[in-house]
Amino acid sequence: MGPGAADISEIIPLVSEKLPGLEPASPLEPEQARFRLFDSISHFLVNAARSQPLMLVLDDLHWADKPSLLLLEFLAGQLSDSNIMILGTYRDIEASREHPLSNTLARLARSESYAREELGRLEGESVAQLISDISGQEPSQELVATIHARTEGNPFFMTELIRLLEERQSTDGAPVDTVLSGLEIPQSVLEVIGQRLNRLSTECEAALTTAAVIGRQFDFELTDRRFQRDSVAEGDR
């Protein structure tokens, strides 16, 4: 693993188990220690990729803390010319402008090796495949259509709804159509939506509440009657 093994062992205890007798890293000031750790991880990954290409997959970046995002930025800069690809995934609904990940993505976007791929909503066969992967059974066309209609193809919402459906079926033993008809929005989905709403101003939240009562389609003139303020400014929020 090279001279950085001691640093890496501080965050990955398994290294110490594999390398008994490893001397602890010499103490440094926090900023210097962080740089040494980042540099050690970078060298380790480069060495690991010498014999064959390496893909580093970082899932759910919207949950990453600031030190982890700083490490990602460091690695992206150091490994750009190496035999390594870094693939990160995140839910954009979680990454508001105030989220630390937004700043990280903005800095990463300056690199020529950076590429962003937005995954769209699932349709048709993709919906059926997701249901099959989670449930282990081939779904009927009716079930595929119902799940798609309830979630509009959003992969996260769809996954949570399928899992809840599986749970209710195993508990109640009721037919799929019966369970679906009385199925509520999964708590995990409500929590995500709630987190997003918590970041909005009181006025913007009130506007969304009014819009929800009006229906899926509405115009700003109608909301203006309720709030008596400029519709364009309210819409921009």
C-alpha atoms as a PDB file:
ATOM      1  CA  MET A   1       0.000   0.000   0.000  1.00  0.00           C
ATOM      2  CA  GLY A   2       3.014   2.249   0.225  1.00  0.00           C
ATOM      3  CA  PRO A   3       4.024   4.748   2.904  1.00  0.00           C
ATOM      4  CA  GLY A   4       0.441   5.996   3.295  1.00  0.00           C
ATOM      5  CA  ALA A   5      -0.801   2.726   4.803  1.00  0.00           C
ATOM      6  CA  ALA A   6      -0.679   4.128   8.328  1.00  0.00           C
ATOM      7  CA  ASP A   7      -2.887   7.074   7.364  1.00  0.00           C
ATOM      8  CA  ILE A   8      -5.400   4.888   5.556  1.00  0.00           C
ATOM      9  CA  SER A   9      -5.568   2.478   8.510  1.00  0.00           C
ATOM     10  CA  GLU A  10      -7.024   5.282  10.628  1.00  0.00           C
ATOM     11  CA  ILE A  11     -10.224   5.257   8.570  1.00  0.00           C
ATOM     12  CA  ILE A  12     -10.090   1.604   7.434  1.00  0.00           C
ATOM     13  CA  PRO A  13      -9.199  -0.589  10.445  1.00  0.00           C
ATOM     14  CA  LEU A  14      -8.981  -3.643   8.184  1.00  0.00           C
ATOM     15  CA  VAL A  15      -5.643  -2.307   6.917  1.00  0.00           C
ATOM     16  CA  SER A  16      -4.139  -2.699  10.378  1.00  0.00           C
ATOM     17  CA  GLU A  17      -5.453  -6.256  10.565  1.00  0.00           C
ATOM     18  CA  LYS A  18      -3.884  -7.127   7.217  1.00  0.00           C
ATOM     19  CA  LEU A  19      -0.622  -5.377   8.071  1.00  0.00           C
ATOM     20  CA  PRO A  20       0.214  -6.274  11.694  1.00  0.00           C
ATOM     21  CA  GLY A  21       2.933  -4.207  13.282  1.00  0.00           C
ATOM     22  CA  LEU A  22       2.083  -1.135  11.194  1.00  0.00           C
ATOM     23  CA  GLU A  23       3.548   1.942  12.834  1.00  0.00           C
ATOM     24  CA  PRO A  24       1.034   4.723  13.508  1.00  0.00           C
ATOM     25  CA  ALA A  25       1.265   7.862  11.400  1.00  0.00           C
ATOM     26  CA  SER A  26       3.236  10.733  12.895  1.00  0.00           C
ATOM     27  CA  PRO A  27       1.041  13.509  14.329  1.00  0.00           C
ATOM     28  CA  LEU A  28       0.450  16.645  12.278  1.00  0.00           C
ATOM     29  CA  GLU A  29      -1.701  19.749  12.387  1.00  0.00           C
ATOM     30  CA  PRO A  30      -5.299  19.003  11.262  1.00  0.00           C
ATOM     31  CA  GLU A  31      -4.934  20.608   7.819  1.00  0.00           C
ATOM     32  CA  GLN A  32      -1.618  18.876   7.160  1.00  0.00           C
ATOM     33  CA  ALA A  33      -2.982  15.546   8.406  1.00  0.00           C
ATOM     34  CA  ARG A  34      -5.971  15.838   6.083  1.00  0.00           C
ATOM     35  CA  PHE A  35      -3.773  16.559   3.075  1.00  0.00           C
ATOM     36  CA  ARG A  36      -1.503  13.624   3.916  1.00  0.00           C
ATOM     37  CA  LEU A  37      -4.514  11.310   4.240  1.00  0.00           C
ATOM     38  CA  PHE A  38      -5.972  12.491   0.924  1.00  0.00           C
ATOM     39  CA  ASP A  39      -2.602  12.100  -0.771  1.00  0.00           C
ATOM     40  CA  SER A  40      -2.159   8.598   0.660  1.00  0.00           C
ATOM     41  CA  ILE A  41      -5.573   7.518  -0.620  1.00  0.00           C
ATOM     42  CA  SER A  42      -4.790   8.984  -4.033  1.00  0.00           C
ATOM     43  CA  HIS A  43      -1.477   7.095  -4.280  1.00  0.00           C
ATOM     44  CA  PHE A  44      -3.131   3.870  -3.138  1.00  0.00           C
ATOM     45  CA  LEU A  45      -5.803   4.119  -5.860  1.00  0.00           C
ATOM     46  CA  VAL A  46      -3.233   4.943  -8.553  1.00  0.00           C
ATOM     47  CA  ASN A  47      -1.148   1.907  -7.565  1.00  0.00           C
ATOM     48  CA  ALA A  48      -4.255  -0.310  -7.547  1.00  0.00           C
ATOM     49  CA  ALA A  49      -5.101   0.775 -11.091  1.00  0.00           C
ATOM     50  CA  ARG A  50      -1.691   0.122 -12.617  1.00  0.00           C
ATOM     51  CA  SER A  51      -2.512  -3.435 -13.676  1.00  0.00           C
ATOM     52  CA  GLN A  52      -6.091  -2.800 -14.857  1.00  0.00           C
ATOM     53  CA  PRO A  53      -8.630   0.048 -15.070  1.00  0.00           C
ATOM     54  CA  LEU A  54     -10.440   0.908 -11.862  1.00  0.00           C
ATOM     55  CA  MET A  55     -13.920   2.366 -11.348  1.00  0.00           C
ATOM     56  CA  LEU A  56     -14.644   3.994  -8.008  1.00  0.00           C
ATOM     57  CA  VAL A  57     -18.421   4.127  -7.375  1.00  0.00           C
ATOM     58  CA  LEU A  58     -19.686   6.621  -4.790  1.00  0.00           C
ATOM     59  CA  ASP A  59     -23.392   6.150  -4.160  1.00  0.00           C
ATOM     60  CA  ASP A  60     -25.803   8.606  -2.485  1.00  0.00           C
ATOM     61  CA  LEU A  61     -23.491  11.620  -2.556  1.00  0.00           C
ATOM     62  CA  HIS A  62     -26.351  13.737  -1.205  1.00  0.00           C
ATOM     63  CA  TRP A  63     -25.637  12.105   2.177  1.00  0.00           C
ATOM     64  CA  ALA A  64     -21.883  12.822   2.067  1.00  0.00           C
ATOM     65  CA  ASP A  65     -20.424  15.098   4.736  1.00  0.00           C
ATOM     66  CA  LYS A  66     -18.105  18.002   3.934  1.00  0.00           C
ATOM     67  CA  PRO A  67     -14.798  16.122   4.568  1.00  0.00           C
ATOM     68  CA  SER A  68     -15.924  13.347   2.216  1.00  0.00           C
ATOM     69  CA  LEU A  69     -16.787  15.875  -0.483  1.00  0.00           C
ATOM     70  CA  LEU A  70     -13.397  17.546  -0.039  1.00  0.00           C
ATOM     71  CA  LEU A  71     -11.773  14.144  -0.560  1.00  0.00           C
ATOM     72  CA  LEU A  72     -13.828  13.671  -3.737  1.00  0.00           C
ATOM     73  CA  GLU A  73     -12.651  17.024  -5.080  1.00  0.00           C
ATOM     74  CA  PHE A  74      -9.048  16.181  -4.254  1.00  0.00           C
ATOM     75  CA  LEU A  75      -9.220  12.777  -5.933  1.00  0.00           C
ATOM     76  CA  ALA A  76     -10.949  14.194  -9.007  1.00  0.00           C
ATOM     77  CA  GLY A  77      -8.049  16.597  -9.469  1.00  0.00           C
ATOM     78  CA  GLN A  78      -5.300  14.082  -8.756  1.00  0.00           C
ATOM     79  CA  LEU A  79      -6.698  11.150 -10.728  1.00  0.00           C
ATOM     80  CA  SER A  80      -7.799  12.948 -13.897  1.00  0.00           C
ATOM     81  CA  ASP A  81      -4.872  11.537 -15.891  1.00  0.00           C
ATOM     82  CA  SER A  82      -4.915   8.089 -14.300  1.00  0.00           C
ATOM     83  CA  ASN A  83      -6.524   4.795 -15.274  1.00  0.00           C
ATOM     84  CA  ILE A  84      -9.385   5.487 -12.858  1.00  0.00           C
ATOM     85  CA  MET A  85     -12.990   6.581 -13.342  1.00  0.00           C
ATOM     86  CA  ILE A  86     -14.986   8.045 -10.460  1.00  0.00           C
ATOM     87  CA  LEU A  87     -18.728   7.510 -10.740  1.00  0.00           C
ATOM     88  CA  GLY A  88     -20.904   9.367  -8.253  1.00  0.00           C
ATOM     89  CA  THR A  89     -24.673   9.172  -7.894  1.00  0.00           C
ATOM     90  CA  TYR A  90     -27.056  11.467  -6.049  1.00  0.00           C
ATOM     91  CA  ARG A  91     -30.704  12.486  -5.976  1.00  0.00           C
ATOM     92  CA  ASP A  92     -31.028  15.988  -7.352  1.00  0.00           C
ATOM     93  CA  ILE A  93     -34.147  16.527  -5.252  1.00  0.00           C
ATOM     94  CA  GLU A  94     -31.831  16.416  -2.215  1.00  0.00           C
ATOM     95  CA  ALA A  95     -29.137  18.741  -3.558  1.00  0.00           C
ATOM     96  CA  SER A  96     -30.442  22.278  -3.096  1.00  0.00           C
ATOM     97  CA  ARG A  97     -28.300  25.321  -3.825  1.00  0.00           C
ATOM     98  CA  GLU A  98     -27.380  25.467  -0.131  1.00  0.00           C
ATOM     99  CA  HIS A  99     -26.289  21.833  -0.024  1.00  0.00           C
ATOM    100  CA  PRO A 100     -22.481  21.289   0.191  1.00  0.00           C
ATOM    101  CA  LEU A 101     -22.719  18.894  -2.759  1.00  0.00           C
ATOM    102  CA  SER A 102     -23.877  21.733  -5.017  1.00  0.00           C
ATOM    103  CA  ASN A 103     -20.630  23.613  -4.382  1.00  0.00           C
ATOM    104  CA  THR A 104     -18.600  20.461  -4.994  1.00  0.00           C
ATOM    105  CA  LEU A 105     -20.367  19.790  -8.297  1.00  0.00           C
ATOM    106  CA  ALA A 106     -19.813  23.373  -9.405  1.00  0.00           C
ATOM    107  CA  ARG A 107     -16.077  23.046  -8.794  1.00  0.00           C
ATOM    108  CA  LEU A 108     -15.872  19.616 -10.435  1.00  0.00           C
ATOM    109  CA  ALA A 109     -17.670  20.952 -13.521  1.00  0.00           C
ATOM    110  CA  ARG A 110     -14.625  23.104 -14.314  1.00  0.00           C
ATOM    111  CA  SER A 111     -12.633  19.988 -15.160  1.00  0.00           C
ATOM    112  CA  GLU A 112     -12.540  18.765 -18.766  1.00  0.00           C
ATOM    113  CA  SER A 113     -12.838  15.176 -17.524  1.00  0.00           C
ATOM    114  CA  TYR A 114     -16.112  15.897 -15.722  1.00  0.00           C
ATOM    115  CA  ALA A 115     -19.366  14.710 -17.284  1.00  0.00           C
ATOM    116  CA  ARG A 116     -22.893  14.844 -15.887  1.00  0.00           C
ATOM    117  CA  GLU A 117     -25.554  12.361 -16.933  1.00  0.00           C
ATOM    118  CA  GLU A 118     -29.116  12.988 -15.807  1.00  0.00           C
ATOM    119  CA  LEU A 119     -31.248   9.859 -15.514  1.00  0.00           C
ATOM    120  CA  GLY A 120     -34.808  10.422 -16.660  1.00  0.00           C
ATOM    121  CA  ARG A 121     -38.034   8.818 -15.564  1.00  0.00           C
ATOM    122  CA  LEU A 122     -38.583   5.133 -16.218  1.00  0.00           C
ATOM    123  CA  GLU A 123     -41.025   3.941 -18.849  1.00  0.00           C
ATOM    124  CA  GLY A 124     -42.503   0.643 -20.038  1.00  0.00           C
ATOM    125  CA  GLU A 125     -39.999  -2.194 -19.947  1.00  0.00           C
ATOM    126  CA  SER A 126     -37.751  -0.362 -17.494  1.00  0.00           C
ATOM    127  CA  VAL A 127     -40.629  -0.137 -15.005  1.00  0.00           C
ATOM    128  CA  ALA A 128     -41.338  -3.847 -15.379  1.00  0.00           C
ATOM    129  CA  GLN A 129     -37.649  -4.672 -14.962  1.00  0.00           C
ATOM    130  CA  LEU A 130     -37.396  -2.639 -11.752  1.00  0.00           C
ATOM    131  CA  ILE A 131     -40.461  -4.329 -10.269  1.00  0.00           C
ATOM    132  CA  SER A 132     -39.045  -7.721 -11.228  1.00  0.00           C
ATOM    133  CA  ASP A 133     -35.604  -6.939  -9.751  1.00  0.00           C
ATOM    134  CA  ILE A 134     -37.108  -5.906  -6.401  1.00  0.00           C
ATOM    135  CA  SER A 135     -39.910  -8.440  -6.080  1.00  0.00           C
ATOM    136  CA  GLY A 136     -38.293 -11.372  -7.856  1.00  0.00           C
ATOM    137  CA  GLN A 137     -41.484 -11.918  -9.891  1.00  0.00           C
ATOM    138  CA  GLU A 138     -42.615 -10.941 -13.358  1.00  0.00           C
ATOM    139  CA  PRO A 139     -45.249  -8.203 -12.960  1.00  0.00           C
ATOM    140  CA  SER A 140     -48.498  -8.043 -14.892  1.00  0.00           C
ATOM    141  CA  GLN A 141     -49.062  -5.218 -17.363  1.00  0.00           C
ATOM    142  CA  GLU A 142     -51.781  -3.884 -15.062  1.00  0.00           C
ATOM    143  CA  LEU A 143     -49.355  -3.673 -12.155  1.00  0.00           C
ATOM    144  CA  VAL A 144     -46.708  -1.984 -14.298  1.00  0.00           C
ATOM    145  CA  ALA A 145     -49.236   0.603 -15.494  1.00  0.00           C
ATOM    146  CA  THR A 146     -50.530   1.244 -11.970  1.00  0.00           C
ATOM    147  CA  ILE A 147     -47.078   1.646 -10.429  1.00  0.00           C
ATOM    148  CA  HIS A 148     -46.043   3.976 -13.248  1.00  0.00           C
ATOM    149  CA  ALA A 149     -49.203   6.054 -12.891  1.00  0.00           C
ATOM    150  CA  ARG A 150     -48.744   6.405  -9.129  1.00  0.00           C
ATOM    151  CA  THR A 151     -45.070   7.420  -9.364  1.00  0.00           C
ATOM    152  CA  GLU A 152     -44.879   8.994 -12.846  1.00  0.00           C
ATOM    153  CA  GLY A 153     -41.755   6.934 -13.456  1.00  0.00           C
ATOM    154  CA  ASN A 154     -39.667   8.471 -10.671  1.00  0.00           C
ATOM    155  CA  PRO A 155     -37.161   5.687  -9.823  1.00  0.00           C
ATOM    156  CA  PHE A 156     -36.863   6.564  -6.139  1.00  0.00           C
ATOM    157  CA  PHE A 157     -40.613   6.865  -5.542  1.00  0.00           C
ATOM    158  CA  MET A 158     -41.175   3.726  -7.576  1.00  0.00           C
ATOM    159  CA  THR A 159     -38.659   1.699  -5.555  1.00  0.00           C
ATOM    160  CA  GLU A 160     -40.158   2.781  -2.249  1.00  0.00           C
ATOM    161  CA  LEU A 161     -43.710   2.074  -3.432  1.00  0.00           C
ATOM    162  CA  ILE A 162     -42.777  -1.419  -4.637  1.00  0.00           C
ATOM    163  CA  ARG A 163     -41.090  -2.193  -1.325  1.00  0.00           C
ATOM    164  CA  LEU A 164     -44.125  -0.986   0.595  1.00  0.00           C
ATOM    165  CA  LEU A 165     -46.358  -3.055  -1.667  1.00  0.00           C
ATOM    166  CA  GLU A 166     -44.213  -6.119  -0.960  1.00  0.00           C
ATOM    167  CA  GLU A 167     -44.432  -5.464   2.762  1.00  0.00           C
ATOM    168  CA  ARG A 168     -48.206  -5.007   2.775  1.00  0.00           C
ATOM    169  CA  GLN A 169     -48.780  -8.084   0.633  1.00  0.00           C
ATOM    170  CA  SER A 170     -46.693 -10.295   2.885  1.00  0.00           C
ATOM    171  CA  THR A 171     -48.536  -8.949   5.937  1.00  0.00           C
ATOM    172  CA  ASP A 172     -52.116  -8.816   4.656  1.00  0.00           C
ATOM    173  CA  GLY A 173     -52.031 -11.527   2.015  1.00  0.00           C
ATOM    174  CA  ALA A 174     -54.453  -9.416  -0.024  1.00  0.00           C
ATOM    175  CA  PRO A 175     -54.491  -9.223  -3.844  1.00  0.00           C
ATOM    176  CA  VAL A 176     -52.217  -6.649  -5.451  1.00  0.00           C
ATOM    177  CA  ASP A 177     -55.078  -4.460  -6.708  1.00  0.00           C
ATOM    178  CA  THR A 178     -56.639  -4.358  -3.243  1.00  0.00           C
ATOM    179  CA  VAL A 179     -53.364  -3.403  -1.583  1.00  0.00           C
ATOM    180  CA  LEU A 180     -52.589  -0.739  -4.185  1.00  0.00           C
ATOM    181  CA  SER A 181     -56.000   0.883  -3.870  1.00  0.00           C
ATOM    182  CA  GLY A 182     -55.419   1.588  -0.193  1.00  0.00           C
ATOM    183  CA  LEU A 183     -51.695   2.233  -0.386  1.00  0.00           C
ATOM    184  CA  GLU A 184     -50.455   5.516   1.042  1.00  0.00           C
ATOM    185  CA  ILE A 185     -47.324   7.400   0.041  1.00  0.00           C
ATOM    186  CA  PRO A 186     -44.318   5.616   1.650  1.00  0.00           C
ATOM    187  CA  GLN A 187     -42.898   7.365   4.716  1.00  0.00           C
ATOM    188  CA  SER A 188     -39.442   7.509   3.129  1.00  0.00           C
ATOM    189  CA  VAL A 189     -40.873   9.520   0.217  1.00  0.00           C
ATOM    190  CA  LEU A 190     -42.733  11.862   2.578  1.00  0.00           C
ATOM    191  CA  GLU A 191     -39.485  12.475   4.477  1.00  0.00           C
ATOM    192  CA  VAL A 192     -37.633  13.427   1.298  1.00  0.00           C
ATOM    193  CA  ILE A 193     -40.426  15.788   0.252  1.00  0.00           C
ATOM    194  CA  GLY A 194     -40.567  17.202   3.770  1.00  0.00           C
ATOM    195  CA  GLN A 195     -36.843  17.927   3.757  1.00  0.00           C
ATOM    196  CA  ARG A 196     -37.230  19.802   0.503  1.00  0.00           C
ATOM    197  CA  LEU A 197     -40.199  21.805   1.808  1.00  0.00           C
ATOM    198  CA  ASN A 198     -38.323  22.711   4.986  1.00  0.00           C
ATOM    199  CA  ARG A 199     -35.851  24.690   2.903  1.00  0.00           C
ATOM    200  CA  LEU A 200     -38.579  26.892   1.410  1.00  0.00           C
ATOM    201  CA  SER A 201     -39.757  30.220   2.752  1.00  0.00           C
ATOM    202  CA  THR A 202     -43.109  30.430   4.530  1.00  0.00           C
ATOM    203  CA  GLU A 203     -44.617  32.380   1.629  1.00  0.00           C
ATOM    204  CA  CYS A 204     -43.368  29.894  -0.975  1.00  0.00           C
ATOM    205  CA  GLU A 205     -44.688  26.954   1.036  1.00  0.00           C
ATOM    206  CA  ALA A 206     -48.073  28.655   1.297  1.00  0.00           C
ATOM    207  CA  ALA A 207     -48.087  29.199  -2.485  1.00  0.00           C
ATOM    208  CA  LEU A 208     -47.361  25.522  -3.078  1.00  0.00           C
ATOM    209  CA  THR A 209     -50.137  24.538  -0.676  1.00  0.00           C
ATOM    210  CA  THR A 210     -52.597  26.688  -2.619  1.00  0.00           C
ATOM    211  CA  ALA A 211     -51.361  25.250  -5.918  1.00  0.00           C
ATOM    212  CA  ALA A 212     -51.841  21.718  -4.587  1.00  0.00           C
ATOM    213  CA  VAL A 213     -55.465  22.526  -3.731  1.00  0.00           C
ATOM    214  CA  ILE A 214     -56.093  24.035  -7.172  1.00  0.00           C
ATOM    215  CA  GLY A 215     -54.757  20.970  -8.984  1.00  0.00           C
ATOM    216  CA  ARG A 216     -51.885  19.830 -11.200  1.00  0.00           C
ATOM    217  CA  GLN A 217     -52.378  22.649 -13.705  1.00  0.00           C
ATOM    218  CA  PHE A 218     -52.885  26.274 -12.723  1.00  0.00           C
ATOM    219  CA  ASP A 219     -51.805  29.763 -13.726  1.00  0.00           C
ATOM    220  CA  PHE A 220     -50.178  32.490 -11.676  1.00  0.00           C
ATOM    221  CA  GLU A 221     -53.192  34.790 -11.982  1.00  0.00           C
ATOM    222  CA  LEU A 222     -55.209  32.358  -9.916  1.00  0.00           C
ATOM    223  CA  THR A 223     -52.590  32.232  -7.151  1.00  0.00           C
ATOM    224  CA  ASP A 224     -52.343  36.030  -7.265  1.00  0.00           C
ATOM    225  CA  ARG A 225     -55.967  36.264  -6.181  1.00  0.00           C
ATOM    226  CA  ARG A 226     -54.985  34.405  -3.029  1.00  0.00           C
ATOM    227  CA  PHE A 227     -51.711  36.221  -2.292  1.00  0.00           C
ATOM    228  CA  GLN A 228     -52.243  39.583  -4.017  1.00  0.00           C
ATOM    229  CA  ARG A 229     -48.620  39.909  -5.066  1.00  0.00           C
ATOM    230  CA  ASP A 230     -46.601  39.809  -8.255  1.00  0.00           C
ATOM    231  CA  SER A 231     -47.084  36.421  -9.919  1.00  0.00           C
ATOM    232  CA  VAL A 232     -43.714  36.360 -11.639  1.00  0.00           C
ATOM    233  CA  ALA A 233     -41.805  36.874  -8.379  1.00  0.00           C
ATOM    234  CA  GLU A 234     -43.850  34.170  -6.689  1.00  0.00           C
ATOM    235  CA  GLY A 235     -43.324  31.804  -9.597  1.00  0.00           C
ATOM    236  CA  ASP A 236     -39.552  32.296  -9.546  1.00  0.00           C
ATOM    237  CA  ARG A 237     -39.484  31.116  -5.961  1.00  0.00           C
END
